[in-house]
Amino acid sequence: MDETVRRDPGAHRVLTGDRPTGPLHLGHYFGSLRNRVRLQRLGVEMFLVIPDYQVITDRDVADRLAEHTENLVLDYLATGIDADRATIFTHSAVPALNQLLLPFLSLVSVAELHRNPTVKDEIAHSSQSAVNGLMLTYPVHQAADILFCKADLVPVGKDQLPHLEVSRTVARRFNERYPHPDGRTVFPRPRALLDAAPLLLGTDGGKMSKSRGNSIPLGADEDTTARLLKGAKTDTDRRITYDPATRPEVSNLVLLAALCQDRTPEEVAEEIGDGGAAALKRTVTEAVNEHLRPIRARRADFAADRGHLRDVLRAGNERANTIADATLAEVREVMGSL
């Protein structure tokens, strides 16, 4: 955890979120969700955006959007996010946020958008036959997400750092081009809050991803989790060791068990020893199901009242609109707009 956050958590505002394109999985949980809960419990103000407009960056239609959006709220609450203290909202419900995109786009060159390595990776995995304009500009959409509420911290993985740099660039250039009459800056330059959690691989040995069909969903039941982990890729060496460089798939499973059991990967590997892949998968399955059991129980409770999920989103959208309207009014003022 960042030391400046520990010293004064109430002085910080975090913006983070997830696209509503499918169920959240263990990679999301250990990579970000668990850390969001820790930050909120420390006293950091939390904004969680569900960027529904960004769904169509890499696909032609927003399939089952309402369902996926509600399920995101469900996963947030199940993993421990307190809706009374967090602002959970959707892109499409906050018009003033999206209006910030136009002046922000004027601050970024076409060449800079084309050079973004994360955009290049997303394009490579896009299901579209041609790249649309939204794909190139969505780092600027993310800048609007972050800056509308003047968030100063953004939890990201290393692969998302180029996107955050776009937000920092937009904030700096806006402040330089449109100085505030009273001398203060309009936007903070948000900084990355890198989580120490390592990247989890999917069951096929690639990056765990909703779109690649290689993940363990948080909402999966115990039998489904066991089936998915049984099919996870390993290797032919019977001795189980933790060596991510030379044995990435085996080490990934060892790490997953260690995260669930709050142990070191080396301890887990030593305990399994010569048990081979079968023993490793049994250990991981038991660890994952045990760790997720209370989360799944809370998820089932929240799922029984879909009206509550919609109420959470309605309240978050109202608060986000109030903040976005104020920010847009300030932007218009310093730009000399009517």
Protein backbone atom coordinates (compact mmCIF):
# COMPACT_ATOMS: atom_id res chain seq x y z
CA MET A 1 0.00 0.00 0.00
CA ASP A 2 1.24 3.49 -0.87
CA GLU A 3 2.67 5.18 2.23
CA THR A 4 1.07 8.55 1.44
CA VAL A 5 -2.33 6.83 1.36
CA ARG A 6 -1.70 5.21 4.74
CA ARG A 7 -0.75 8.54 6.30
CA ASP A 8 -3.84 10.43 5.15
CA PRO A 9 -6.38 8.20 3.34
CA GLY A 10 -9.16 10.79 3.56
CA ALA A 11 -7.16 13.20 1.40
CA HIS A 12 -7.35 10.92 -1.63
CA ARG A 13 -9.97 10.05 -4.21
CA VAL A 14 -9.70 6.86 -6.27
CA LEU A 15 -11.31 6.22 -9.66
CA THR A 16 -11.37 2.70 -11.02
CA GLY A 17 -13.82 0.34 -12.71
CA ASP A 18 -14.52 -2.51 -15.10
CA ARG A 19 -16.13 -2.81 -18.51
CA PRO A 20 -19.50 -4.62 -18.44
CA THR A 21 -18.53 -7.27 -20.96
CA GLY A 22 -18.87 -10.39 -18.83
CA PRO A 23 -18.34 -11.85 -15.36
CA LEU A 24 -15.43 -10.72 -13.20
CA HIS A 25 -12.90 -13.42 -12.41
CA LEU A 26 -10.10 -14.33 -10.05
CA GLY A 27 -7.66 -12.13 -11.94
CA HIS A 28 -9.89 -9.13 -11.22
CA TYR A 29 -10.30 -10.15 -7.61
CA PHE A 30 -6.63 -10.56 -6.71
CA GLY A 31 -5.49 -7.88 -9.12
CA SER A 32 -7.86 -5.08 -8.11
CA LEU A 33 -11.11 -5.85 -6.28
CA ARG A 34 -9.48 -6.93 -3.04
CA ASN A 35 -7.30 -3.84 -3.03
CA ARG A 36 -10.28 -1.55 -3.64
CA VAL A 37 -11.93 -2.93 -0.51
CA ARG A 38 -8.74 -2.33 1.50
CA LEU A 39 -8.51 1.25 0.25
CA GLN A 40 -12.13 1.97 1.10
CA ARG A 41 -11.76 0.51 4.58
CA LEU A 42 -8.76 2.76 5.13
CA GLY A 43 -10.96 5.76 4.39
CA VAL A 44 -10.11 6.56 0.75
CA GLU A 45 -13.06 7.95 -1.24
CA MET A 46 -13.94 5.43 -3.94
CA PHE A 47 -15.47 6.03 -7.39
CA LEU A 48 -16.29 2.93 -9.45
CA VAL A 49 -17.18 3.58 -13.07
CA ILE A 50 -18.95 1.00 -15.21
CA PRO A 51 -17.91 2.27 -18.67
CA ASP A 52 -20.79 0.97 -20.73
CA TYR A 53 -19.97 3.20 -23.73
CA GLN A 54 -16.53 1.60 -23.91
CA VAL A 55 -18.08 -1.83 -24.54
CA ILE A 56 -18.37 -0.96 -28.22
CA THR A 57 -14.69 -0.08 -28.60
CA ASP A 58 -13.78 -3.63 -29.62
CA ARG A 59 -17.14 -5.17 -30.58
CA ASP A 60 -20.04 -4.21 -32.81
CA VAL A 61 -22.86 -4.42 -30.26
CA ALA A 62 -23.17 -4.17 -26.48
CA ASP A 63 -24.52 -7.64 -25.83
CA ARG A 64 -26.49 -8.21 -22.56
CA LEU A 65 -25.36 -4.82 -21.28
CA ALA A 66 -27.95 -4.36 -18.52
CA GLU A 67 -27.31 -7.86 -17.19
CA HIS A 68 -23.53 -7.42 -17.17
CA THR A 69 -23.85 -4.01 -15.51
CA GLU A 70 -25.98 -5.36 -12.67
CA ASN A 71 -23.61 -8.30 -12.23
CA LEU A 72 -20.68 -5.92 -11.85
CA VAL A 73 -22.52 -4.15 -9.03
CA LEU A 74 -23.26 -7.57 -7.57
CA ASP A 75 -19.59 -8.56 -7.62
CA TYR A 76 -18.53 -5.22 -6.09
CA LEU A 77 -20.91 -5.66 -3.16
CA ALA A 78 -20.10 -9.34 -2.71
CA THR A 79 -16.36 -8.70 -2.47
CA GLY A 80 -16.88 -6.04 0.21
CA ILE A 81 -17.39 -2.64 -1.43
CA ASP A 82 -19.65 -0.52 0.81
CA ALA A 83 -22.21 1.12 -1.50
CA ASP A 84 -23.06 3.72 1.15
CA ARG A 85 -19.51 5.06 0.93
CA ALA A 86 -18.65 4.39 -2.72
CA THR A 87 -19.98 6.06 -5.87
CA ILE A 88 -20.86 3.35 -8.39
CA PHE A 89 -22.05 4.77 -11.72
CA THR A 90 -22.29 4.17 -15.47
CA HIS A 91 -20.83 6.21 -18.32
CA SER A 92 -24.08 6.63 -20.16
CA ALA A 93 -25.91 8.07 -17.14
CA VAL A 94 -23.54 11.03 -16.75
CA PRO A 95 -23.80 13.34 -19.79
CA ALA A 96 -21.49 16.05 -18.43
CA LEU A 97 -18.68 13.54 -18.02
CA ASN A 98 -18.90 12.62 -21.68
CA GLN A 99 -18.96 16.26 -22.76
CA LEU A 100 -15.47 16.62 -21.31
CA LEU A 101 -14.25 14.31 -24.07
CA LEU A 102 -14.39 17.05 -26.72
CA PRO A 103 -12.00 19.57 -25.14
CA PHE A 104 -9.81 16.71 -23.94
CA LEU A 105 -9.45 15.32 -27.48
CA SER A 106 -8.12 18.69 -28.60
CA LEU A 107 -5.20 18.24 -26.20
CA VAL A 108 -3.94 14.93 -27.65
CA SER A 109 -2.45 14.35 -31.10
CA VAL A 110 -3.46 11.57 -33.48
CA ALA A 111 0.14 10.29 -33.43
CA GLU A 112 0.03 9.98 -29.64
CA LEU A 113 -3.16 7.95 -29.83
CA HIS A 114 -1.68 5.61 -32.43
CA ARG A 115 1.47 5.05 -30.37
CA ASN A 116 -0.35 3.89 -27.22
CA PRO A 117 0.87 0.29 -26.62
CA THR A 118 -2.22 -0.74 -24.66
CA VAL A 119 -4.46 0.36 -27.54
CA LYS A 120 -2.30 -1.68 -29.91
CA ASP A 121 -2.80 -4.76 -27.73
CA GLU A 122 -6.57 -4.19 -27.53
CA ILE A 123 -6.71 -3.81 -31.32
CA ALA A 124 -4.86 -7.10 -31.72
CA HIS A 125 -7.50 -8.88 -29.63
CA SER A 126 -10.51 -7.02 -31.03
CA SER A 127 -13.39 -9.04 -32.47
CA GLN A 128 -14.08 -6.35 -35.08
CA SER A 129 -12.97 -6.60 -38.70
CA ALA A 130 -11.91 -2.92 -38.67
CA VAL A 131 -10.77 -0.60 -35.90
CA ASN A 132 -13.31 2.08 -35.06
CA GLY A 133 -12.57 5.62 -33.89
CA LEU A 134 -13.71 4.87 -30.37
CA MET A 135 -10.92 2.33 -29.98
CA LEU A 136 -8.24 4.94 -30.68
CA THR A 137 -9.82 7.55 -28.45
CA TYR A 138 -10.86 5.49 -25.46
CA PRO A 139 -7.74 6.42 -23.43
CA VAL A 140 -9.12 9.97 -23.63
CA HIS A 141 -12.52 8.67 -22.51
CA GLN A 142 -10.72 7.19 -19.53
CA ALA A 143 -9.12 10.56 -18.88
CA ALA A 144 -12.63 12.03 -18.68
CA ASP A 145 -13.64 9.25 -16.27
CA ILE A 146 -10.71 10.03 -14.00
CA LEU A 147 -10.67 13.80 -14.20
CA PHE A 148 -14.40 14.58 -13.98
CA CYS A 149 -14.28 13.71 -10.27
CA LYS A 150 -10.70 14.98 -9.89
CA ALA A 151 -9.39 11.61 -8.76
CA ASP A 152 -5.74 11.70 -7.77
CA LEU A 153 -5.17 7.94 -7.55
CA VAL A 154 -5.90 5.24 -10.12
CA PRO A 155 -5.21 1.58 -9.26
CA VAL A 156 -3.72 0.01 -12.39
CA GLY A 157 -1.61 -2.87 -13.55
CA LYS A 158 1.61 -2.18 -15.42
CA ASP A 159 -0.12 -2.87 -18.74
CA GLN A 160 -2.48 0.05 -18.09
CA LEU A 161 0.20 2.64 -17.32
CA PRO A 162 0.15 4.08 -20.88
CA HIS A 163 -3.56 4.87 -20.48
CA LEU A 164 -2.96 6.65 -17.21
CA GLU A 165 -0.18 8.65 -18.82
CA VAL A 166 -2.76 9.97 -21.30
CA SER A 167 -4.85 11.22 -18.36
CA ARG A 168 -1.81 12.87 -16.81
CA THR A 169 -0.97 14.51 -20.12
CA VAL A 170 -4.52 15.79 -20.59
CA ALA A 171 -4.59 17.23 -17.06
CA ARG A 172 -1.22 18.96 -17.49
CA ARG A 173 -2.02 20.42 -20.92
CA PHE A 174 -5.46 21.61 -19.86
CA ASN A 175 -4.05 23.35 -16.79
CA GLU A 176 -1.34 24.99 -18.89
CA ARG A 177 -3.64 26.08 -21.72
CA TYR A 178 -6.53 27.23 -19.51
CA PRO A 179 -5.17 28.68 -16.25
CA HIS A 180 -7.77 29.25 -13.56
CA PRO A 181 -8.45 32.92 -12.74
CA ASP A 182 -7.64 32.38 -9.06
CA GLY A 183 -4.32 30.69 -9.85
CA ARG A 184 -5.19 27.15 -8.87
CA THR A 185 -5.11 24.21 -11.24
CA VAL A 186 -8.39 22.78 -12.47
CA PHE A 187 -7.29 19.13 -12.59
CA PRO A 188 -4.89 17.12 -10.45
CA ARG A 189 -2.37 14.94 -12.28
CA PRO A 190 -3.53 11.47 -11.26
CA ARG A 191 -0.88 8.97 -10.33
CA ALA A 192 -0.81 5.21 -10.53
CA LEU A 193 -1.45 3.08 -7.51
CA LEU A 194 0.34 -0.10 -8.51
CA ASP A 195 -0.87 -3.19 -6.70
CA ALA A 196 1.72 -5.68 -5.53
CA ALA A 197 -0.47 -8.58 -6.66
CA PRO A 198 1.22 -10.38 -9.57
CA LEU A 199 -0.53 -11.06 -12.86
CA LEU A 200 -2.55 -14.27 -12.87
CA LEU A 201 -2.55 -16.41 -15.99
CA GLY A 202 -5.65 -18.02 -17.41
CA THR A 203 -6.26 -21.76 -17.57
CA ASP A 204 -4.63 -21.84 -21.02
CA GLY A 205 -1.43 -20.20 -19.83
CA GLY A 206 -2.27 -16.82 -21.39
CA LYS A 207 -3.38 -13.65 -19.66
CA MET A 208 -6.61 -14.28 -17.73
CA SER A 209 -9.33 -12.42 -19.60
CA LYS A 210 -13.12 -12.32 -19.83
CA SER A 211 -12.93 -12.28 -23.62
CA ARG A 212 -10.47 -15.15 -24.01
CA GLY A 213 -12.53 -17.82 -22.24
CA ASN A 214 -9.73 -18.83 -19.88
CA SER A 215 -10.87 -17.37 -16.56
CA ILE A 216 -12.42 -18.55 -13.29
CA PRO A 217 -15.50 -16.33 -12.75
CA LEU A 218 -16.21 -15.14 -9.21
CA GLY A 219 -19.82 -16.19 -9.67
CA ALA A 220 -18.98 -19.76 -10.69
CA ASP A 221 -20.11 -22.50 -8.31
CA GLU A 222 -17.67 -24.92 -6.70
CA ASP A 223 -18.19 -27.70 -9.23
CA THR A 224 -17.64 -25.36 -12.17
CA THR A 225 -14.52 -23.99 -10.53
CA ALA A 226 -13.19 -27.52 -10.05
CA ARG A 227 -13.90 -28.39 -13.69
CA LEU A 228 -12.17 -25.28 -15.01
CA LEU A 229 -9.11 -25.78 -12.83
CA LYS A 230 -8.91 -29.45 -13.79
CA GLY A 231 -8.41 -28.33 -17.39
CA ALA A 232 -5.70 -25.82 -16.53
CA LYS A 233 -2.44 -26.12 -18.41
CA THR A 234 0.57 -27.53 -16.53
CA ASP A 235 3.72 -29.42 -17.63
CA THR A 236 5.17 -32.93 -17.47
CA ASP A 237 7.54 -32.47 -14.50
CA ARG A 238 6.04 -34.30 -11.50
CA ARG A 239 7.98 -32.30 -8.92
CA ILE A 240 6.01 -29.12 -8.13
CA THR A 241 8.17 -26.01 -7.83
CA TYR A 242 7.57 -22.28 -7.94
CA ASP A 243 9.60 -20.95 -10.84
CA PRO A 244 7.61 -18.42 -12.89
CA ALA A 245 10.39 -17.90 -15.45
CA THR A 246 10.70 -21.52 -16.56
CA ARG A 247 7.41 -23.06 -15.36
CA PRO A 248 4.81 -20.30 -15.78
CA GLU A 249 1.67 -22.45 -15.84
CA VAL A 250 2.57 -24.57 -12.82
CA SER A 251 3.82 -21.53 -10.94
CA ASN A 252 0.59 -19.69 -11.70
CA LEU A 253 -1.47 -22.42 -10.04
CA VAL A 254 0.90 -22.50 -7.07
CA LEU A 255 0.58 -18.74 -6.76
CA LEU A 256 -3.22 -18.90 -6.93
CA ALA A 257 -3.33 -21.37 -4.06
CA ALA A 258 -0.88 -19.23 -2.09
CA LEU A 259 -2.97 -16.09 -2.55
CA CYS A 260 -6.09 -17.91 -1.39
CA GLN A 261 -4.34 -19.37 1.66
CA ASP A 262 -2.28 -16.27 2.52
CA ARG A 263 0.95 -18.26 2.25
CA THR A 264 4.07 -17.98 0.14
CA PRO A 265 4.17 -19.85 -3.19
CA GLU A 266 7.33 -21.60 -2.05
CA GLU A 267 5.50 -23.06 0.96
CA VAL A 268 2.67 -24.35 -1.23
CA ALA A 269 5.07 -25.92 -3.74
CA GLU A 270 7.12 -27.60 -1.02
CA GLU A 271 4.00 -29.06 0.57
CA ILE A 272 2.83 -30.60 -2.72
CA GLY A 273 6.32 -31.84 -3.57
CA ASP A 274 6.23 -34.87 -5.87
CA GLY A 275 2.44 -35.02 -5.96
CA GLY A 276 2.36 -33.87 -9.57
CA ALA A 277 -0.24 -31.91 -11.48
CA ALA A 278 -3.19 -33.82 -10.01
CA ALA A 279 -2.22 -32.96 -6.43
CA LEU A 280 -1.51 -29.37 -7.44
CA LYS A 281 -4.93 -28.97 -9.00
CA ARG A 282 -6.65 -30.52 -5.97
CA THR A 283 -4.82 -28.09 -3.71
CA VAL A 284 -5.70 -25.09 -5.86
CA THR A 285 -9.35 -26.11 -6.21
CA GLU A 286 -9.78 -26.54 -2.45
CA ALA A 287 -8.00 -23.24 -1.74
CA VAL A 288 -10.04 -21.26 -4.29
CA ASN A 289 -13.38 -22.68 -3.23
CA GLU A 290 -12.63 -22.15 0.45
CA HIS A 291 -11.53 -18.56 -0.12
CA LEU A 292 -14.51 -17.68 -2.30
CA ARG A 293 -17.13 -19.41 -0.14
CA PRO A 294 -18.09 -16.32 1.94
CA ILE A 295 -17.96 -14.09 -1.14
CA ARG A 296 -20.28 -16.45 -3.01
CA ALA A 297 -22.66 -16.53 -0.03
CA ARG A 298 -22.86 -12.73 0.01
CA ARG A 299 -23.27 -12.72 -3.75
CA ALA A 300 -26.26 -15.05 -3.50
CA ASP A 301 -27.86 -12.81 -0.87
CA PHE A 302 -27.44 -9.66 -2.97
CA ALA A 303 -28.58 -11.47 -6.13
CA ALA A 304 -31.90 -12.22 -4.46
CA ASP A 305 -32.77 -8.50 -4.52
CA ARG A 306 -32.05 -7.07 -7.96
CA GLY A 307 -33.99 -3.96 -7.03
CA HIS A 308 -31.32 -3.13 -4.47
CA LEU A 309 -28.63 -3.36 -7.15
CA ARG A 310 -30.53 -0.88 -9.29
CA ASP A 311 -30.99 1.42 -6.28
CA VAL A 312 -27.23 1.38 -5.66
CA LEU A 313 -26.60 2.33 -9.28
CA ARG A 314 -29.29 5.03 -9.24
CA ALA A 315 -27.78 6.68 -6.17
CA GLY A 316 -24.28 6.50 -7.65
CA ASN A 317 -25.44 8.00 -10.94
CA GLU A 318 -27.09 10.90 -9.13
CA ARG A 319 -23.95 11.74 -7.20
CA ALA A 320 -21.71 11.36 -10.27
CA ASN A 321 -23.98 13.73 -12.20
CA THR A 322 -23.75 16.39 -9.49
CA ILE A 323 -19.95 16.24 -9.54
CA ALA A 324 -19.70 16.09 -13.34
CA ASP A 325 -22.00 19.08 -13.79
CA ALA A 326 -19.83 21.13 -11.43
CA THR A 327 -16.62 20.09 -13.18
CA LEU A 328 -18.02 20.85 -16.64
CA ALA A 329 -19.17 24.29 -15.44
CA GLU A 330 -15.65 24.98 -14.17
CA VAL A 331 -14.13 23.82 -17.47
CA ARG A 332 -16.45 26.09 -19.44
CA GLU A 333 -15.56 29.00 -17.18
CA VAL A 334 -11.81 28.72 -17.64
CA MET A 335 -12.19 28.06 -21.38
CA GLY A 336 -14.33 31.18 -21.72
CA SER A 337 -17.34 29.23 -22.95
CA LEU A 338 -20.94 30.26 -22.40
